[in-house]
Amino acid sequence: PGRLTVLPLQGDLDSGASRRSYRSTLRAAAAAVDGV
């Protein structure tokens, strides 16, 4: 198996987030901290 391209999310629906958007939203959260 290769690396997941869509990461599964919790919930009743069959939902997921793309690897790229997952990484970019976490990077935005880290960059939003004062001093970074």
Full PDB file with SEQRES, HELIX, SHEET, SSBOND, CRYST1, ORIGX, SCALE, CONECT and MASTER records, all heavy atoms in Angstrom:
SEQRES   1 A   36  PRO GLY ARG LEU THR VAL LEU PRO LEU GLN GLY ASP LEU          
SEQRES   2 A   36  ASP SER GLY ALA SER ARG ARG SER TYR ARG SER THR LEU          
SEQRES   3 A   36  ARG ALA ALA ALA ALA ALA VAL ASP GLY VAL                      
HELIX    1 AA1 ARG A   19  ALA A   31  1                                  13    
SHEET    1 AA1 2 VAL A   6  PRO A   8  0                                        
SHEET    2 AA1 2 GLY A  16  SER A  18 -1                                        
CRYST1    1.000    1.000    1.000  90.00  90.00  90.00 P 1           1          
ORIGX1      1.000000  0.000000  0.000000        0.00000                         
ORIGX2      0.000000  1.000000  0.000000        0.00000                         
ORIGX3      0.000000  0.000000  1.000000        0.00000                         
SCALE1      1.000000  0.000000  0.000000        0.00000                         
SCALE2      0.000000  1.000000  0.000000        0.00000                         
SCALE3      0.000000  0.000000  1.000000        0.00000                         
ATOM      1  N   PRO A   1       0.831  -1.204   0.000  1.00  0.00           N  
ATOM      2  CA  PRO A   1       0.000   0.000   0.000  1.00  0.00           C  
ATOM      3  C   PRO A   1       0.868   1.256   0.000  1.00  0.00           C  
ATOM      4  O   PRO A   1       1.924   1.300   0.625  1.00  0.00           O  
ATOM      5  CB  PRO A   1      -0.789  -0.113   1.308  1.00  0.00           C  
ATOM      6  CG  PRO A   1       0.068  -0.953   2.180  1.00  0.00           C  
ATOM      7  CD  PRO A   1       0.804  -1.894   1.274  1.00  0.00           C  
ATOM      8  N   GLY A   2       0.419   2.248  -0.702  1.00  0.00           N  
ATOM      9  CA  GLY A   2       1.123   3.524  -0.715  1.00  0.00           C  
ATOM     10  C   GLY A   2       0.640   4.418   0.412  1.00  0.00           C  
ATOM     11  O   GLY A   2      -0.222   4.048   1.220  1.00  0.00           O  
ATOM     12  N   ARG A   3       1.193   5.603   0.462  1.00  0.00           N  
ATOM     13  CA  ARG A   3       0.787   6.574   1.476  1.00  0.00           C  
ATOM     14  C   ARG A   3      -0.625   7.060   1.146  1.00  0.00           C  
ATOM     15  O   ARG A   3      -0.981   7.251  -0.009  1.00  0.00           O  
ATOM     16  CB  ARG A   3       1.763   7.748   1.443  1.00  0.00           C  
ATOM     17  CG  ARG A   3       1.547   8.697   2.573  1.00  0.00           C  
ATOM     18  CD  ARG A   3       2.410   9.912   2.520  1.00  0.00           C  
ATOM     19  NE  ARG A   3       3.770   9.666   2.090  1.00  0.00           N  
ATOM     20  CZ  ARG A   3       4.624  10.612   1.791  1.00  0.00           C  
ATOM     21  NH1 ARG A   3       4.251  11.862   1.832  1.00  0.00           N  
ATOM     22  NH2 ARG A   3       5.838  10.333   1.408  1.00  0.00           N  
ATOM     23  N   LEU A   4      -1.427   7.247   2.181  1.00  0.00           N  
ATOM     24  CA  LEU A   4      -2.796   7.716   1.977  1.00  0.00           C  
ATOM     25  C   LEU A   4      -2.794   9.088   1.318  1.00  0.00           C  
ATOM     26  O   LEU A   4      -2.038   9.971   1.701  1.00  0.00           O  
ATOM     27  CB  LEU A   4      -3.532   7.814   3.316  1.00  0.00           C  
ATOM     28  CG  LEU A   4      -3.840   6.513   4.037  1.00  0.00           C  
ATOM     29  CD1 LEU A   4      -4.412   6.814   5.405  1.00  0.00           C  
ATOM     30  CD2 LEU A   4      -4.790   5.675   3.251  1.00  0.00           C  
ATOM     31  N   THR A   5      -3.642   9.264   0.294  1.00  0.00           N  
ATOM     32  CA  THR A   5      -3.778  10.579  -0.325  1.00  0.00           C  
ATOM     33  C   THR A   5      -4.916  11.358   0.316  1.00  0.00           C  
ATOM     34  O   THR A   5      -4.909  12.580   0.292  1.00  0.00           O  
ATOM     35  CB  THR A   5      -4.032  10.458  -1.837  1.00  0.00           C  
ATOM     36  OG1 THR A   5      -5.188   9.669  -2.059  1.00  0.00           O  
ATOM     37  CG2 THR A   5      -2.841   9.839  -2.532  1.00  0.00           C  
ATOM     38  N   VAL A   6      -5.884  10.643   0.866  1.00  0.00           N  
ATOM     39  CA  VAL A   6      -6.986  11.270   1.600  1.00  0.00           C  
ATOM     40  C   VAL A   6      -6.992  10.673   3.005  1.00  0.00           C  
ATOM     41  O   VAL A   6      -7.113   9.469   3.172  1.00  0.00           O  
ATOM     42  CB  VAL A   6      -8.344  11.037   0.907  1.00  0.00           C  
ATOM     43  CG1 VAL A   6      -9.473  11.591   1.742  1.00  0.00           C  
ATOM     44  CG2 VAL A   6      -8.353  11.654  -0.473  1.00  0.00           C  
ATOM     45  N   LEU A   7      -6.811  11.531   4.000  1.00  0.00           N  
ATOM     46  CA  LEU A   7      -6.758  11.077   5.377  1.00  0.00           C  
ATOM     47  C   LEU A   7      -8.169  11.039   5.960  1.00  0.00           C  
ATOM     48  O   LEU A   7      -8.914  12.016   5.845  1.00  0.00           O  
ATOM     49  CB  LEU A   7      -5.865  12.009   6.183  1.00  0.00           C  
ATOM     50  CG  LEU A   7      -4.435  12.115   5.653  1.00  0.00           C  
ATOM     51  CD1 LEU A   7      -3.700  13.241   6.337  1.00  0.00           C  
ATOM     52  CD2 LEU A   7      -3.711  10.817   5.836  1.00  0.00           C  
ATOM     53  N   PRO A   8      -8.554   9.931   6.586  1.00  0.00           N  
ATOM     54  CA  PRO A   8      -9.921   9.802   7.095  1.00  0.00           C  
ATOM     55  C   PRO A   8     -10.166  10.702   8.302  1.00  0.00           C  
ATOM     56  O   PRO A   8      -9.281  10.938   9.116  1.00  0.00           O  
ATOM     57  CB  PRO A   8     -10.027   8.327   7.470  1.00  0.00           C  
ATOM     58  CG  PRO A   8      -8.629   7.894   7.717  1.00  0.00           C  
ATOM     59  CD  PRO A   8      -7.758   8.725   6.821  1.00  0.00           C  
ATOM     60  N   LEU A   9     -11.412  11.195   8.397  1.00  0.00           N  
ATOM     61  CA  LEU A   9     -11.836  12.041   9.505  1.00  0.00           C  
ATOM     62  C   LEU A   9     -12.895  11.304  10.313  1.00  0.00           C  
ATOM     63  O   LEU A   9     -13.560  10.392   9.823  1.00  0.00           O  
ATOM     64  CB  LEU A   9     -12.404  13.363   8.990  1.00  0.00           C  
ATOM     65  CG  LEU A   9     -11.463  14.210   8.136  1.00  0.00           C  
ATOM     66  CD1 LEU A   9     -12.187  15.446   7.643  1.00  0.00           C  
ATOM     67  CD2 LEU A   9     -10.225  14.585   8.913  1.00  0.00           C  
ATOM     68  N   GLN A  10     -13.071  11.723  11.583  1.00  0.00           N  
ATOM     69  CA  GLN A  10     -14.106  11.155  12.438  1.00  0.00           C  
ATOM     70  C   GLN A  10     -15.473  11.603  11.931  1.00  0.00           C  
ATOM     71  O   GLN A  10     -15.603  12.563  11.196  1.00  0.00           O  
ATOM     72  CB  GLN A  10     -13.947  11.645  13.882  1.00  0.00           C  
ATOM     73  CG  GLN A  10     -12.744  11.129  14.589  1.00  0.00           C  
ATOM     74  CD  GLN A  10     -12.882   9.675  15.023  1.00  0.00           C  
ATOM     75  OE1 GLN A  10     -13.955   9.090  14.949  1.00  0.00           O  
ATOM     76  NE2 GLN A  10     -11.782   9.115  15.462  1.00  0.00           N  
ATOM     77  N   GLY A  11     -16.472  10.905  12.368  1.00  0.00           N  
ATOM     78  CA  GLY A  11     -17.832  11.326  12.047  1.00  0.00           C  
ATOM     79  C   GLY A  11     -18.631  10.203  11.427  1.00  0.00           C  
ATOM     80  O   GLY A  11     -18.121   9.138  11.110  1.00  0.00           O  
ATOM     81  N   ASP A  12     -19.926  10.481  11.251  1.00  0.00           N  
ATOM     82  CA  ASP A  12     -20.827   9.483  10.686  1.00  0.00           C  
ATOM     83  C   ASP A  12     -20.632   9.339   9.181  1.00  0.00           C  
ATOM     84  O   ASP A  12     -20.843   8.282   8.628  1.00  0.00           O  
ATOM     85  CB  ASP A  12     -22.282   9.870  10.978  1.00  0.00           C  
ATOM     86  CG  ASP A  12     -22.554   9.888  12.472  1.00  0.00           C  
ATOM     87  OD1 ASP A  12     -21.874   9.145  13.198  1.00  0.00           O  
ATOM     88  OD2 ASP A  12     -23.434  10.650  12.909  1.00  0.00           O  
ATOM     89  N   LEU A  13     -20.273  10.418   8.534  1.00  0.00           N  
ATOM     90  CA  LEU A  13     -20.096  10.392   7.090  1.00  0.00           C  
ATOM     91  C   LEU A  13     -18.737   9.821   6.716  1.00  0.00           C  
ATOM     92  O   LEU A  13     -17.795   9.863   7.497  1.00  0.00           O  
ATOM     93  CB  LEU A  13     -20.220  11.799   6.508  1.00  0.00           C  
ATOM     94  CG  LEU A  13     -21.549  12.504   6.751  1.00  0.00           C  
ATOM     95  CD1 LEU A  13     -21.492  13.917   6.224  1.00  0.00           C  
ATOM     96  CD2 LEU A  13     -22.671  11.730   6.072  1.00  0.00           C  
ATOM     97  N   ASP A  14     -18.657   9.300   5.516  1.00  0.00           N  
ATOM     98  CA  ASP A  14     -17.388   8.821   4.983  1.00  0.00           C  
ATOM     99  C   ASP A  14     -16.645  10.028   4.431  1.00  0.00           C  
ATOM    100  O   ASP A  14     -16.804  10.393   3.276  1.00  0.00           O  
ATOM    101  CB  ASP A  14     -17.658   7.783   3.894  1.00  0.00           C  
ATOM    102  CG  ASP A  14     -16.402   7.040   3.490  1.00  0.00           C  
ATOM    103  OD1 ASP A  14     -15.455   7.016   4.292  1.00  0.00           O  
ATOM    104  OD2 ASP A  14     -16.383   6.488   2.385  1.00  0.00           O  
ATOM    105  N   SER A  15     -15.869  10.678   5.296  1.00  0.00           N  
ATOM    106  CA  SER A  15     -15.235  11.931   4.892  1.00  0.00           C  
ATOM    107  C   SER A  15     -13.734  11.853   5.087  1.00  0.00           C  
ATOM    108  O   SER A  15     -13.227  11.018   5.829  1.00  0.00           O  
ATOM    109  CB  SER A  15     -15.797  13.093   5.722  1.00  0.00           C  
ATOM    110  OG  SER A  15     -15.542  12.873   7.088  1.00  0.00           O  
ATOM    111  N   GLY A  16     -13.034  12.760   4.399  1.00  0.00           N  
ATOM    112  CA  GLY A  16     -11.589  12.791   4.504  1.00  0.00           C  
ATOM    113  C   GLY A  16     -11.052  14.139   4.094  1.00  0.00           C  
ATOM    114  O   GLY A  16     -11.756  14.970   3.525  1.00  0.00           O  
ATOM    115  N   ALA A  17      -9.791  14.344   4.383  1.00  0.00           N  
ATOM    116  CA  ALA A  17      -9.095  15.576   4.016  1.00  0.00           C  
ATOM    117  C   ALA A  17      -7.876  15.191   3.196  1.00  0.00           C  
ATOM    118  O   ALA A  17      -7.184  14.228   3.519  1.00  0.00           O  
ATOM    119  CB  ALA A  17      -8.668  16.351   5.259  1.00  0.00           C  
ATOM    120  N   SER A  18      -7.620  15.949   2.156  1.00  0.00           N  
ATOM    121  CA  SER A  18      -6.446  15.640   1.343  1.00  0.00           C  
ATOM    122  C   SER A  18      -5.186  15.913   2.146  1.00  0.00           C  
ATOM    123  O   SER A  18      -5.158  16.763   3.037  1.00  0.00           O  
ATOM    124  CB  SER A  18      -6.449  16.463   0.059  1.00  0.00           C  
ATOM    125  OG  SER A  18      -6.142  17.806   0.340  1.00  0.00           O  
ATOM    126  N   ARG A  19      -4.158  15.188   1.839  1.00  0.00           N  
ATOM    127  CA  ARG A  19      -2.886  15.309   2.542  1.00  0.00           C  
ATOM    128  C   ARG A  19      -2.343  16.723   2.440  1.00  0.00           C  
ATOM    129  O   ARG A  19      -1.820  17.275   3.402  1.00  0.00           O  
ATOM    130  CB  ARG A  19      -1.917  14.313   1.909  1.00  0.00           C  
ATOM    131  CG  ARG A  19      -0.691  14.053   2.685  1.00  0.00           C  
ATOM    132  CD  ARG A  19       0.064  12.939   2.011  1.00  0.00           C  
ATOM    133  NE  ARG A  19       0.654  11.879   2.715  1.00  0.00           N  
ATOM    134  CZ  ARG A  19       0.532  11.501   3.966  1.00  0.00           C  
ATOM    135  NH1 ARG A  19      -0.248  12.145   4.755  1.00  0.00           N  
ATOM    136  NH2 ARG A  19       1.179  10.511   4.483  1.00  0.00           N  
ATOM    137  N   ARG A  20      -2.487  17.323   1.288  1.00  0.00           N  
ATOM    138  CA  ARG A  20      -1.974  18.674   1.055  1.00  0.00           C  
ATOM    139  C   ARG A  20      -2.718  19.708   1.894  1.00  0.00           C  
ATOM    140  O   ARG A  20      -2.110  20.582   2.523  1.00  0.00           O  
ATOM    141  CB  ARG A  20      -2.098  18.992  -0.428  1.00  0.00           C  
ATOM    142  CG  ARG A  20      -1.498  20.284  -0.822  1.00  0.00           C  
ATOM    143  CD  ARG A  20      -1.588  20.459  -2.318  1.00  0.00           C  
ATOM    144  NE  ARG A  20      -0.938  21.669  -2.744  1.00  0.00           N  
ATOM    145  CZ  ARG A  20      -0.848  22.061  -3.973  1.00  0.00           C  
ATOM    146  NH1 ARG A  20      -1.351  21.322  -4.927  1.00  0.00           N  
ATOM    147  NH2 ARG A  20      -0.252  23.181  -4.281  1.00  0.00           N  
ATOM    148  N   SER A  21      -4.042  19.633   1.923  1.00  0.00           N  
ATOM    149  CA  SER A  21      -4.802  20.614   2.699  1.00  0.00           C  
ATOM    150  C   SER A  21      -4.605  20.402   4.200  1.00  0.00           C  
ATOM    151  O   SER A  21      -4.556  21.356   4.969  1.00  0.00           O  
ATOM    152  CB  SER A  21      -6.286  20.554   2.338  1.00  0.00           C  
ATOM    153  OG  SER A  21      -6.841  19.311   2.700  1.00  0.00           O  
ATOM    154  N   TYR A  22      -4.478  19.153   4.612  1.00  0.00           N  
ATOM    155  CA  TYR A  22      -4.223  18.811   6.017  1.00  0.00           C  
ATOM    156  C   TYR A  22      -2.908  19.447   6.473  1.00  0.00           C  
ATOM    157  O   TYR A  22      -2.835  20.100   7.513  1.00  0.00           O  
ATOM    158  CB  TYR A  22      -4.164  17.284   6.096  1.00  0.00           C  
ATOM    159  CG  TYR A  22      -4.235  16.664   7.473  1.00  0.00           C  
ATOM    160  CD1 TYR A  22      -5.434  16.582   8.153  1.00  0.00           C  
ATOM    161  CD2 TYR A  22      -3.111  16.110   8.053  1.00  0.00           C  
ATOM    162  CE1 TYR A  22      -5.510  15.977   9.396  1.00  0.00           C  
ATOM    163  CE2 TYR A  22      -3.175  15.495   9.286  1.00  0.00           C  
ATOM    164  CZ  TYR A  22      -4.385  15.433   9.952  1.00  0.00           C  
ATOM    165  OH  TYR A  22      -4.449  14.828  11.174  1.00  0.00           O  
ATOM    166  N   ARG A  23      -1.865  19.277   5.648  1.00  0.00           N  
ATOM    167  CA  ARG A  23      -0.557  19.827   5.977  1.00  0.00           C  
ATOM    168  C   ARG A  23      -0.572  21.352   5.960  1.00  0.00           C  
ATOM    169  O   ARG A  23      -0.021  22.007   6.839  1.00  0.00           O  
ATOM    170  CB  ARG A  23       0.490  19.298   4.996  1.00  0.00           C  
ATOM    171  CG  ARG A  23       1.901  19.703   5.321  1.00  0.00           C  
ATOM    172  CD  ARG A  23       2.931  19.086   4.391  1.00  0.00           C  
ATOM    173  NE  ARG A  23       2.627  19.315   2.995  1.00  0.00           N  
ATOM    174  CZ  ARG A  23       2.420  18.360   2.099  1.00  0.00           C  
ATOM    175  NH1 ARG A  23       2.477  17.108   2.458  1.00  0.00           N  
ATOM    176  NH2 ARG A  23       2.153  18.657   0.846  1.00  0.00           N  
ATOM    177  N   SER A  24      -1.245  21.948   4.980  1.00  0.00           N  
ATOM    178  CA  SER A  24      -1.237  23.414   4.884  1.00  0.00           C  
ATOM    179  C   SER A  24      -2.033  24.067   6.010  1.00  0.00           C  
ATOM    180  O   SER A  24      -1.655  25.132   6.504  1.00  0.00           O  
ATOM    181  CB  SER A  24      -1.764  23.872   3.524  1.00  0.00           C  
ATOM    182  OG  SER A  24      -3.111  23.527   3.367  1.00  0.00           O  
ATOM    183  N   THR A  25      -3.108  23.442   6.468  1.00  0.00           N  
ATOM    184  CA  THR A  25      -3.865  24.038   7.573  1.00  0.00           C  
ATOM    185  C   THR A  25      -3.098  23.922   8.894  1.00  0.00           C  
ATOM    186  O   THR A  25      -3.153  24.830   9.724  1.00  0.00           O  
ATOM    187  CB  THR A  25      -5.277  23.429   7.693  1.00  0.00           C  
ATOM    188  OG1 THR A  25      -6.043  24.213   8.587  1.00  0.00           O  
ATOM    189  CG2 THR A  25      -5.260  22.008   8.163  1.00  0.00           C  
ATOM    190  N   LEU A  26      -2.346  22.832   9.061  1.00  0.00           N  
ATOM    191  CA  LEU A  26      -1.514  22.716  10.257  1.00  0.00           C  
ATOM    192  C   LEU A  26      -0.334  23.695  10.204  1.00  0.00           C  
ATOM    193  O   LEU A  26       0.054  24.269  11.220  1.00  0.00           O  
ATOM    194  CB  LEU A  26      -1.010  21.284  10.433  1.00  0.00           C  
ATOM    195  CG  LEU A  26      -2.082  20.230  10.736  1.00  0.00           C  
ATOM    196  CD1 LEU A  26      -1.463  18.854  10.828  1.00  0.00           C  
ATOM    197  CD2 LEU A  26      -2.867  20.574  11.971  1.00  0.00           C  
ATOM    198  N   ARG A  27       0.213  23.910   9.025  1.00  0.00           N  
ATOM    199  CA  ARG A  27       1.298  24.883   8.876  1.00  0.00           C  
ATOM    200  C   ARG A  27       0.790  26.293   9.151  1.00  0.00           C  
ATOM    201  O   ARG A  27       1.462  27.095   9.805  1.00  0.00           O  
ATOM    202  CB  ARG A  27       1.890  24.801   7.470  1.00  0.00           C  
ATOM    203  CG  ARG A  27       3.076  25.731   7.269  1.00  0.00           C  
ATOM    204  CD  ARG A  27       3.714  25.593   5.906  1.00  0.00           C  
ATOM    205  NE  ARG A  27       2.753  25.780   4.833  1.00  0.00           N  
ATOM    206  CZ  ARG A  27       2.505  24.885   3.886  1.00  0.00           C  
ATOM    207  NH1 ARG A  27       3.146  23.753   3.847  1.00  0.00           N  
ATOM    208  NH2 ARG A  27       1.608  25.136   2.946  1.00  0.00           N  
ATOM    209  N   ALA A  28      -0.421  26.606   8.699  1.00  0.00           N  
ATOM    210  CA  ALA A  28      -1.003  27.927   8.969  1.00  0.00           C  
ATOM    211  C   ALA A  28      -1.247  28.122  10.454  1.00  0.00           C  
ATOM    212  O   ALA A  28      -1.043  29.224  10.983  1.00  0.00           O  
ATOM    213  CB  ALA A  28      -2.306  28.093   8.190  1.00  0.00           C  
ATOM    214  N   ALA A  29      -1.665  27.069  11.143  1.00  0.00           N  
ATOM    215  CA  ALA A  29      -1.874  27.174  12.592  1.00  0.00           C  
ATOM    216  C   ALA A  29      -0.562  27.421  13.317  1.00  0.00           C  
ATOM    217  O   ALA A  29      -0.497  28.224  14.253  1.00  0.00           O  
ATOM    218  CB  ALA A  29      -2.531  25.895  13.117  1.00  0.00           C  
ATOM    219  N   ALA A  30       0.507  26.750  12.878  1.00  0.00           N  
ATOM    220  CA  ALA A  30       1.810  26.946  13.521  1.00  0.00           C  
ATOM    221  C   ALA A  30       2.358  28.337  13.220  1.00  0.00           C  
ATOM    222  O   ALA A  30       2.949  28.984  14.090  1.00  0.00           O  
ATOM    223  CB  ALA A  30       2.791  25.881  13.042  1.00  0.00           C  
ATOM    224  N   ALA A  31       2.159  28.821  12.002  1.00  0.00           N  
ATOM    225  CA  ALA A  31       2.685  30.135  11.615  1.00  0.00           C  
ATOM    226  C   ALA A  31       1.912  31.271  12.264  1.00  0.00           C  
ATOM    227  O   ALA A  31       2.419  32.393  12.346  1.00  0.00           O  
ATOM    228  CB  ALA A  31       2.657  30.282  10.101  1.00  0.00           C  
ATOM    229  N   ALA A  32       0.685  31.010  12.724  1.00  0.00           N  
ATOM    230  CA  ALA A  32      -0.135  32.058  13.329  1.00  0.00           C  
ATOM    231  C   ALA A  32       0.270  32.363  14.771  1.00  0.00           C  
ATOM    232  O   ALA A  32      -0.177  33.355  15.338  1.00  0.00           O  
ATOM    233  CB  ALA A  32      -1.611  31.654  13.286  1.00  0.00           C  
ATOM    234  N   VAL A  33       1.123  31.532  15.354  1.00  0.00           N  
ATOM    235  CA  VAL A  33       1.567  31.760  16.732  1.00  0.00           C  
ATOM    236  C   VAL A  33       2.478  32.989  16.756  1.00  0.00           C  
ATOM    237  O   VAL A  33       3.324  33.170  15.877  1.00  0.00           O  
ATOM    238  CB  VAL A  33       2.302  30.515  17.272  1.00  0.00           C  
ATOM    239  CG1 VAL A  33       2.891  30.780  18.645  1.00  0.00           C  
ATOM    240  CG2 VAL A  33       1.356  29.334  17.329  1.00  0.00           C  
ATOM    241  N   ASP A  34       2.288  33.821  17.776  1.00  0.00           N  
ATOM    242  CA  ASP A  34       3.077  35.040  17.902  1.00  0.00           C  
ATOM    243  C   ASP A  34       4.556  34.700  18.089  1.00  0.00           C  
ATOM    244  O   ASP A  34       4.906  33.914  18.958  1.00  0.00           O  
ATOM    245  CB  ASP A  34       2.571  35.859  19.098  1.00  0.00           C  
ATOM    246  CG  ASP A  34       3.252  37.211  19.184  1.00  0.00           C  
ATOM    247  OD1 ASP A  34       3.522  37.812  18.119  1.00  0.00           O  
ATOM    248  OD2 ASP A  34       3.518  37.659  20.319  1.00  0.00           O  
ATOM    249  N   GLY A  35       5.394  35.284  17.250  1.00  0.00           N  
ATOM    250  CA  GLY A  35       6.825  35.060  17.336  1.00  0.00           C  
ATOM    251  C   GLY A  35       7.353  34.102  16.289  1.00  0.00           C  
ATOM    252  O   GLY A  35       8.560  33.996  16.114  1.00  0.00           O  
ATOM    253  N   VAL A  36       6.485  33.404  15.583  1.00  0.00           N  
ATOM    254  CA  VAL A  36       6.918  32.465  14.547  1.00  0.00           C  
ATOM    255  C   VAL A  36       7.002  33.213  13.228  1.00  0.00           C  
ATOM    256  O   VAL A  36       6.029  33.818  12.779  1.00  0.00           O  
ATOM    257  CB  VAL A  36       5.940  31.275  14.433  1.00  0.00           C  
ATOM    258  CG1 VAL A  36       6.302  30.398  13.255  1.00  0.00           C  
ATOM    259  CG2 VAL A  36       5.927  30.485  15.716  1.00  0.00           C  
TER     260      VAL A  36                                                      
MASTER        0    0    0    1    2    0    0    6  259    1    0    3          
END                                                                             
